[in-house]
Amino acid sequence: MSVVAMKETVDPRPLAASLLPIMGVVFVGFLVIGVAMPVLPLYVHDGLGFGTFVVGLVAGSQFAASLIARPWAGHYSDGRGAKRAVVLGLLAASASGLLYLCSLLIRRDPEASVAVLLLGRAVLGGAESFIITAAVSWGLAIVDAQNTGKVIAWLGSAMFAAFAIGAPVGSALYAGYGFVAIALVTALVPLAPLLLIAPLPAVVLVPRARLSFVKVFGKVWVPGLGSALGSVGFGAVTTFAALLFADRGWTQGWLAYTAYAVAFILARVFFSHAADRFQVWRRQGRAVLRADRNCRTGADVAGRSSRTGADRGRSHGIRIFAGLSGFGVEAVRRVPAQSRGLAMGAYTAFLDLAQGLASPALGLVAKGAGLNAVFLVSAITVLCAALVASWLIAYPVTIGGQPQ
């Protein structure tokens, strides 16, 4: 089917200069999520008087809405342009802040208030889906294919930097002015990046054939599953860390969010090249296999290919790290360039599914076994992502789904 899709227009500027404006948009767009993370559970639990299940439901509603919006976000980004999708996402994020304010106006009726709050979280989830899906698609379109891993890593770092900064800012605002301050920040801050991206050129759109969402979903479900399992720990921290701190009488609960985000950013800064480098080594290994196929045994060839580009031990370490951190890179490389937005939408849908299901489920765990059990269960779930990474290493595929 012939549709409009994004054309590759590589920016001649250095990578950092090309991505900096888009990183700024992601940072500001996710700052409004970060300011609410440490205070939303406290507001729902202490301010409105609901239990841990409703806390998990309110937190998870954002991810459930993101899940529903992913296909639309991917189609819109590929078909109408990433810049338009980002603008739409920012406006929706601002609208969610207005719904927060509406929920405060009817706070005397807790059930009605939490219902409007759930609606606001749902709108914010759709906004988040459009912002990150379109931003990644935009970034991938303006850099060369060898930097795919860096684009995903750097934009992810901008997102978690927003969480790291937003958590203490949100806690301070909530302590000083209450949830109304969070609502105002959510309504106003997303409007600022509109001025940042206004002068940026949109990616050129040309008619191209594009895969359906069902086909894209089939190509990215394995790395998506790995990322979903790995994200359960994030859901446990964002939803229940503040309650754990409060339950034990600890102050500055925002430290848990900031520590998580800083660790994430440092990993991206120092290892963002790992997934891209592993792809190069794997291609070199295949070249050795083809060259030596007729004159060496399988065992000898395997030994040589594993040493291509680095020593045997370091190659093994990079393979493991690339498998664990490169789920997004694997997802993008399984589809043609004109379907990248849809691929990121399908891939990140797994994260939303994990968060949308895990937050209420962990709330039930907390209700039955206590807050400590939440983090034990989430840690075990996260470890399962290593199994998916091992599968990707053992059975790699390229664009079109052909074995490597």
Protein backbone atom coordinates (compact mmCIF):
# COMPACT_ATOMS: atom_id res chain seq x y z
CA MET A 1 0.00 0.00 0.00
CA SER A 2 1.38 3.42 -0.95
CA VAL A 3 1.25 5.96 1.86
CA VAL A 4 3.12 9.04 2.99
CA ALA A 5 6.22 8.29 5.05
CA MET A 6 9.30 10.07 6.31
CA LYS A 7 12.28 10.48 4.02
CA GLU A 8 15.83 9.99 5.24
CA THR A 9 17.41 13.47 5.51
CA VAL A 10 20.64 13.06 7.43
CA ASP A 11 21.67 16.21 9.29
CA PRO A 12 25.30 17.13 8.41
CA ARG A 13 25.89 18.64 11.86
CA PRO A 14 27.48 16.66 14.72
CA LEU A 15 25.20 14.13 16.36
CA ALA A 16 24.81 16.11 19.59
CA ALA A 17 23.86 19.31 17.76
CA SER A 18 21.31 17.48 15.64
CA LEU A 19 19.61 15.77 18.56
CA LEU A 20 19.82 18.52 21.20
CA PRO A 21 16.55 20.30 20.27
CA ILE A 22 14.64 17.01 20.16
CA MET A 23 16.18 15.99 23.47
CA GLY A 24 15.00 19.31 24.90
CA VAL A 25 11.44 18.56 23.79
CA VAL A 26 11.57 15.10 25.36
CA PHE A 27 13.00 16.53 28.57
CA VAL A 28 10.31 19.18 28.99
CA GLY A 29 7.54 16.83 27.87
CA PHE A 30 8.48 14.26 30.50
CA LEU A 31 9.23 16.76 33.23
CA VAL A 32 5.49 17.00 33.89
CA ILE A 33 5.43 13.24 34.42
CA GLY A 34 8.45 13.43 36.71
CA VAL A 35 7.00 16.09 39.02
CA ALA A 36 3.94 13.92 39.68
CA MET A 37 5.74 10.60 40.24
CA PRO A 38 6.70 10.97 43.92
CA VAL A 39 3.57 12.88 44.99
CA LEU A 40 0.70 11.26 43.11
CA PRO A 41 0.70 8.11 45.30
CA LEU A 42 0.75 10.28 48.42
CA TYR A 43 -2.07 12.49 47.14
CA VAL A 44 -4.30 9.54 46.22
CA HIS A 45 -3.49 7.63 49.43
CA ASP A 46 -3.41 10.43 52.00
CA GLY A 47 -5.25 13.28 50.31
CA LEU A 48 -8.17 11.34 48.83
CA GLY A 49 -8.07 8.41 51.26
CA PHE A 50 -7.76 5.47 48.86
CA GLY A 51 -5.78 2.23 49.34
CA THR A 52 -2.80 0.79 47.48
CA PHE A 53 -4.89 -0.83 44.73
CA VAL A 54 -6.40 2.52 43.69
CA VAL A 55 -2.92 4.07 43.95
CA GLY A 56 -1.67 1.45 41.50
CA LEU A 57 -4.73 1.96 39.30
CA VAL A 58 -4.19 5.71 39.05
CA ALA A 59 -0.49 5.26 38.32
CA GLY A 60 -1.12 2.49 35.81
CA SER A 61 -3.89 4.33 33.95
CA GLN A 62 -1.32 6.53 32.25
CA PHE A 63 0.50 3.50 30.85
CA ALA A 64 -2.75 1.82 29.82
CA ALA A 65 -3.71 4.92 27.84
CA SER A 66 -0.25 5.05 26.30
CA LEU A 67 -0.68 1.44 25.20
CA ILE A 68 -3.92 2.26 23.40
CA ALA A 69 -2.41 5.36 21.79
CA ARG A 70 0.79 3.71 20.50
CA PRO A 71 -0.56 2.49 17.12
CA TRP A 72 -2.18 5.86 16.48
CA ALA A 73 0.99 7.70 17.48
CA GLY A 74 3.12 5.55 15.19
CA HIS A 75 0.77 5.89 12.21
CA TYR A 76 0.42 9.63 12.74
CA SER A 77 4.18 10.14 13.04
CA ASP A 78 4.95 8.12 9.90
CA GLY A 79 2.07 9.53 7.88
CA ARG A 80 1.74 13.18 9.00
CA GLY A 81 5.25 13.85 10.24
CA ALA A 82 7.07 13.60 13.56
CA LYS A 83 6.98 17.34 14.19
CA ARG A 84 3.19 17.47 14.04
CA ALA A 85 2.96 14.44 16.31
CA VAL A 86 5.23 16.08 18.90
CA VAL A 87 3.12 19.27 18.86
CA LEU A 88 -0.06 17.24 19.33
CA GLY A 89 1.52 15.38 22.24
CA LEU A 90 2.58 18.59 23.99
CA LEU A 91 -0.89 20.09 23.69
CA ALA A 92 -2.44 16.92 25.09
CA ALA A 93 -0.03 17.00 28.04
CA SER A 94 -1.14 20.54 28.81
CA ALA A 95 -4.78 19.42 28.67
CA SER A 96 -4.07 16.73 31.26
CA GLY A 97 -2.97 19.45 33.69
CA LEU A 98 -6.32 21.19 33.23
CA LEU A 99 -8.05 17.93 34.14
CA TYR A 100 -5.90 17.72 37.28
CA LEU A 101 -7.22 21.15 38.21
CA CYS A 102 -10.79 20.03 37.56
CA SER A 103 -10.32 17.04 39.86
CA LEU A 104 -9.20 19.40 42.63
CA LEU A 105 -12.38 21.45 42.28
CA ILE A 106 -14.48 18.41 43.23
CA ARG A 107 -12.12 17.04 45.87
CA ARG A 108 -14.94 16.93 48.43
CA ASP A 109 -16.32 13.98 46.46
CA PRO A 110 -13.31 11.59 46.45
CA GLU A 111 -14.85 9.11 43.99
CA ALA A 112 -15.65 11.79 41.42
CA SER A 113 -12.30 13.48 42.00
CA VAL A 114 -10.30 10.32 41.42
CA ALA A 115 -12.37 9.57 38.30
CA VAL A 116 -11.42 12.94 36.76
CA LEU A 117 -7.84 12.36 37.90
CA LEU A 118 -7.88 9.02 36.10
CA LEU A 119 -9.08 10.80 32.95
CA GLY A 120 -6.24 13.31 33.27
CA ARG A 121 -3.74 10.50 33.66
CA ALA A 122 -5.18 8.83 30.57
CA VAL A 123 -4.80 12.01 28.50
CA LEU A 124 -1.23 12.37 29.77
CA GLY A 125 -0.55 8.79 28.75
CA GLY A 126 -1.67 9.51 25.19
CA ALA A 127 0.47 12.65 25.17
CA GLU A 128 3.52 10.73 26.36
CA SER A 129 2.97 8.18 23.60
CA PHE A 130 2.95 10.83 20.88
CA ILE A 131 5.95 12.73 22.28
CA ILE A 132 8.39 9.85 22.69
CA THR A 133 7.28 7.87 19.61
CA ALA A 134 7.54 10.89 17.32
CA ALA A 135 10.77 12.16 18.91
CA VAL A 136 12.57 8.85 18.37
CA SER A 137 11.24 8.60 14.82
CA TRP A 138 12.36 12.18 14.16
CA GLY A 139 15.81 11.54 15.58
CA LEU A 140 16.31 8.35 13.58
CA ALA A 141 15.37 10.16 10.38
CA ILE A 142 18.06 12.85 10.71
CA VAL A 143 21.08 10.70 11.68
CA ASP A 144 22.80 7.86 9.89
CA ALA A 145 21.84 4.27 10.61
CA GLN A 146 25.10 3.56 12.47
CA ASN A 147 23.93 5.79 15.32
CA THR A 148 20.56 4.15 15.91
CA GLY A 149 21.56 3.00 19.38
CA LYS A 150 22.83 6.44 20.36
CA VAL A 151 19.61 8.13 19.25
CA ILE A 152 17.48 5.83 21.39
CA ALA A 153 19.93 6.04 24.30
CA TRP A 154 20.27 9.83 24.27
CA LEU A 155 16.55 10.49 23.97
CA GLY A 156 15.99 7.98 26.76
CA SER A 157 18.56 9.85 28.84
CA ALA A 158 16.65 13.10 28.30
CA MET A 159 13.50 11.38 29.47
CA PHE A 160 15.11 10.04 32.65
CA ALA A 161 16.87 13.34 33.30
CA ALA A 162 13.39 14.83 33.41
CA PHE A 163 12.41 12.20 35.97
CA ALA A 164 15.56 12.82 38.03
CA ILE A 165 14.99 16.57 38.18
CA GLY A 166 11.21 16.42 38.26
CA ALA A 167 11.05 14.18 41.35
CA PRO A 168 12.65 16.63 43.84
CA VAL A 169 10.95 19.61 42.19
CA GLY A 170 7.57 17.89 42.45
CA SER A 171 8.16 16.95 46.08
CA ALA A 172 9.08 20.52 46.96
CA LEU A 173 6.07 21.95 45.14
CA TYR A 174 3.72 19.46 46.78
CA ALA A 175 5.12 20.15 50.25
CA GLY A 176 4.82 23.89 49.79
CA TYR A 177 1.66 24.38 47.75
CA GLY A 178 -0.13 21.04 47.48
CA PHE A 179 -1.32 19.16 44.42
CA VAL A 180 -2.57 22.36 42.80
CA ALA A 181 1.06 23.28 42.04
CA ILE A 182 1.55 19.96 40.26
CA ALA A 183 -1.58 20.58 38.21
CA LEU A 184 -0.43 24.08 37.19
CA VAL A 185 3.03 22.88 36.18
CA THR A 186 1.48 20.09 34.12
CA ALA A 187 -0.80 22.55 32.35
CA LEU A 188 1.81 25.23 31.60
CA VAL A 189 5.23 23.61 31.14
CA PRO A 190 4.41 21.54 27.99
CA LEU A 191 3.62 24.77 26.13
CA ALA A 192 7.24 25.99 26.37
CA PRO A 193 8.77 23.46 23.91
CA LEU A 194 6.39 24.66 21.18
CA LEU A 195 8.66 27.70 20.80
CA LEU A 196 11.72 25.43 20.72
CA ILE A 197 10.54 23.26 17.84
CA ALA A 198 8.73 25.97 15.83
CA PRO A 199 11.86 26.89 13.79
CA LEU A 200 12.95 23.29 13.27
CA PRO A 201 12.38 21.92 9.75
CA ALA A 202 9.96 19.03 9.46
CA VAL A 203 11.21 15.79 7.95
CA VAL A 204 10.34 15.59 4.25
CA LEU A 205 7.39 13.30 3.50
CA VAL A 206 7.33 11.16 0.36
CA PRO A 207 5.02 8.37 -0.86
CA ARG A 208 6.32 4.96 0.26
CA ALA A 209 5.00 1.54 1.06
CA ARG A 210 4.60 0.95 4.78
CA LEU A 211 3.96 -2.15 6.87
CA SER A 212 0.69 -2.66 8.74
CA PHE A 213 0.67 -2.46 12.52
CA VAL A 214 0.00 -6.20 12.77
CA LYS A 215 3.10 -7.02 10.72
CA VAL A 216 5.25 -4.55 12.65
CA PHE A 217 3.95 -5.95 15.93
CA GLY A 218 4.94 -9.45 14.81
CA LYS A 219 8.47 -8.29 14.06
CA VAL A 220 9.13 -6.45 17.33
CA TRP A 221 7.31 -8.55 19.92
CA VAL A 222 10.41 -10.40 21.15
CA PRO A 223 12.48 -7.28 22.04
CA GLY A 224 9.24 -5.69 23.24
CA LEU A 225 8.68 -8.55 25.67
CA GLY A 226 12.20 -8.18 27.02
CA SER A 227 11.76 -4.47 27.54
CA ALA A 228 8.39 -5.02 29.23
CA LEU A 229 9.87 -7.45 31.74
CA GLY A 230 12.76 -5.10 32.43
CA SER A 231 10.45 -2.12 33.02
CA VAL A 232 8.50 -3.71 35.88
CA GLY A 233 11.16 -2.53 38.33
CA PHE A 234 10.65 1.03 37.11
CA GLY A 235 6.94 0.69 37.80
CA ALA A 236 7.61 -0.58 41.31
CA VAL A 237 9.85 2.41 42.08
CA THR A 238 7.60 5.07 40.58
CA THR A 239 4.42 3.75 42.19
CA PHE A 240 5.46 2.45 45.61
CA ALA A 241 8.83 3.98 46.61
CA ALA A 242 7.15 7.07 48.05
CA LEU A 243 4.76 4.93 50.10
CA LEU A 244 7.65 2.80 51.37
CA PHE A 245 9.56 5.90 52.50
CA ALA A 246 6.47 7.31 54.20
CA ASP A 247 5.66 3.98 55.87
CA ARG A 248 9.15 3.82 57.40
CA GLY A 249 9.23 7.47 58.40
CA TRP A 250 11.95 8.38 55.93
CA THR A 251 12.02 11.87 54.47
CA GLN A 252 12.93 12.92 50.92
CA GLY A 253 11.22 10.06 49.15
CA TRP A 254 12.14 11.69 45.85
CA LEU A 255 15.68 10.32 46.30
CA ALA A 256 14.53 6.88 45.11
CA TYR A 257 13.30 8.33 41.81
CA THR A 258 16.33 10.50 41.27
CA ALA A 259 18.78 7.68 42.09
CA TYR A 260 17.03 5.39 39.61
CA ALA A 261 17.06 8.05 36.90
CA VAL A 262 20.71 9.00 37.47
CA ALA A 263 21.81 5.36 37.27
CA PHE A 264 19.84 5.00 34.04
CA ILE A 265 21.44 8.11 32.53
CA LEU A 266 24.96 7.05 33.48
CA ALA A 267 24.43 3.66 31.84
CA ARG A 268 23.23 5.38 28.68
CA VAL A 269 26.12 7.87 28.66
CA PHE A 270 28.86 5.27 29.05
CA PHE A 271 27.31 2.38 27.12
CA SER A 272 25.06 3.96 24.46
CA HIS A 273 27.45 2.68 21.80
CA ALA A 274 27.29 -0.95 22.93
CA ALA A 275 24.29 -2.06 20.89
CA ASP A 276 25.56 -0.37 17.71
CA ARG A 277 29.08 -1.78 18.20
CA PHE A 278 27.71 -5.27 18.76
CA GLN A 279 25.83 -5.03 15.46
CA VAL A 280 29.11 -4.17 13.68
CA TRP A 281 30.97 -7.06 15.34
CA ARG A 282 28.17 -9.44 14.45
CA ARG A 283 28.33 -8.41 10.78
CA GLN A 284 32.12 -8.86 10.84
CA GLY A 285 31.64 -12.28 12.33
CA ARG A 286 29.27 -13.26 9.53
CA ALA A 287 31.85 -12.12 6.97
CA VAL A 288 34.45 -14.39 8.57
CA LEU A 289 31.99 -17.27 8.50
CA ARG A 290 31.35 -16.80 4.78
CA ALA A 291 35.05 -16.50 3.95
CA ASP A 292 36.10 -19.57 5.89
CA ARG A 293 33.04 -21.77 5.35
CA ASN A 294 34.71 -24.05 2.80
CA CYS A 295 38.04 -24.50 4.55
CA ARG A 296 37.41 -24.66 8.28
CA THR A 297 35.33 -26.64 10.70
CA GLY A 298 32.31 -25.09 12.39
CA ALA A 299 34.05 -24.99 15.73
CA ASP A 300 37.11 -23.18 14.39
CA VAL A 301 35.00 -20.64 12.53
CA ALA A 302 32.92 -19.98 15.65
CA GLY A 303 36.07 -19.34 17.61
CA ARG A 304 37.44 -16.90 15.06
CA SER A 305 34.17 -15.02 14.55
CA SER A 306 33.78 -14.46 18.28
CA ARG A 307 37.22 -12.82 18.35
CA THR A 308 36.52 -10.45 15.44
CA GLY A 309 37.04 -6.82 16.51
CA ALA A 310 37.92 -7.65 20.13
CA ASP A 311 39.09 -10.42 22.37
CA ARG A 312 36.77 -13.29 23.23
CA GLY A 313 35.91 -12.13 26.76
CA ARG A 314 35.12 -8.53 25.87
CA SER A 315 32.98 -9.64 22.90
CA HIS A 316 30.92 -11.85 25.18
CA GLY A 317 30.42 -9.03 27.67
CA ILE A 318 29.26 -6.62 24.97
CA ARG A 319 26.86 -9.24 23.60
CA ILE A 320 25.22 -9.58 26.98
CA PHE A 321 24.99 -5.82 27.55
CA ALA A 322 23.72 -5.17 24.02
CA GLY A 323 21.05 -7.79 24.49
CA LEU A 324 19.90 -6.25 27.76
CA SER A 325 20.09 -2.57 26.77
CA GLY A 326 19.49 -2.76 23.03
CA PHE A 327 15.90 -4.01 22.90
CA GLY A 328 14.84 -0.76 21.24
CA VAL A 329 17.65 -0.96 18.68
CA GLU A 330 16.65 -4.52 17.82
CA ALA A 331 13.04 -3.43 17.35
CA VAL A 332 13.93 -0.58 14.97
CA ARG A 333 16.27 -2.72 12.86
CA ARG A 334 13.59 -5.33 12.23
CA VAL A 335 11.47 -2.99 10.07
CA PRO A 336 12.06 -0.73 7.03
CA ALA A 337 12.97 2.91 7.69
CA GLN A 338 9.55 4.22 6.63
CA SER A 339 7.89 2.22 9.42
CA ARG A 340 10.15 3.33 12.27
CA GLY A 341 7.47 5.42 13.96
CA LEU A 342 5.07 2.49 13.93
CA ALA A 343 7.84 0.17 15.13
CA MET A 344 8.59 2.41 18.11
CA GLY A 345 4.87 2.65 18.81
CA ALA A 346 4.51 -1.13 18.80
CA TYR A 347 7.71 -1.66 20.79
CA THR A 348 6.92 0.86 23.50
CA ALA A 349 3.39 -0.53 23.73
CA PHE A 350 4.95 -3.46 25.57
CA LEU A 351 6.33 -1.08 28.19
CA ASP A 352 2.91 0.47 28.62
CA LEU A 353 1.28 -2.95 28.87
CA ALA A 354 3.77 -3.97 31.54
CA GLN A 355 3.22 -0.77 33.54
CA GLY A 356 -0.53 -0.77 33.08
CA LEU A 357 -0.80 -4.35 34.39
CA ALA A 358 2.09 -4.35 36.85
CA SER A 359 1.11 -1.27 38.88
CA PRO A 360 -2.34 -2.54 39.95
CA ALA A 361 -1.00 -6.10 40.32
CA LEU A 362 1.84 -4.92 42.55
CA GLY A 363 -0.74 -2.93 44.48
CA LEU A 364 -2.52 -6.18 45.27
CA VAL A 365 0.80 -7.72 46.27
CA ALA A 366 1.41 -4.81 48.64
CA LYS A 367 -2.07 -5.17 50.09
CA GLY A 368 -1.62 -8.88 50.78
CA ALA A 369 2.08 -9.21 51.58
CA GLY A 370 3.32 -5.72 52.36
CA LEU A 371 5.41 -3.16 50.49
CA ASN A 372 8.62 -5.18 50.82
CA ALA A 373 7.15 -7.97 48.68
CA VAL A 374 6.49 -5.52 45.84
CA PHE A 375 10.19 -4.98 45.23
CA LEU A 376 11.07 -8.66 45.54
CA VAL A 377 8.44 -9.66 42.97
CA SER A 378 9.52 -6.89 40.60
CA ALA A 379 13.21 -7.86 40.90
CA ILE A 380 12.45 -11.47 39.96
CA THR A 381 10.39 -10.28 36.98
CA VAL A 382 13.18 -8.00 35.77
CA LEU A 383 15.68 -10.88 35.84
CA CYS A 384 13.50 -12.70 33.31
CA ALA A 385 14.45 -10.06 30.73
CA ALA A 386 17.91 -11.66 30.57
CA LEU A 387 16.31 -14.77 29.10
CA VAL A 388 14.81 -12.70 26.28
CA ALA A 389 18.17 -11.00 25.69
CA SER A 390 19.79 -14.43 25.39
CA TRP A 391 17.18 -15.41 22.82
CA LEU A 392 17.91 -12.32 20.72
CA ILE A 393 21.62 -13.09 20.82
CA ALA A 394 21.07 -16.70 19.79
CA TYR A 395 18.49 -15.98 17.05
CA PRO A 396 19.17 -12.56 15.53
CA VAL A 397 17.18 -11.24 12.56
CA THR A 398 17.64 -8.36 10.13
CA ILE A 399 15.19 -6.15 8.29
CA GLY A 400 12.58 -8.38 6.73
CA GLY A 401 12.90 -10.97 9.49
CA GLN A 402 15.63 -13.03 7.84
CA PRO A 403 18.07 -14.88 10.15
CA GLN A 404 21.54 -13.41 10.39
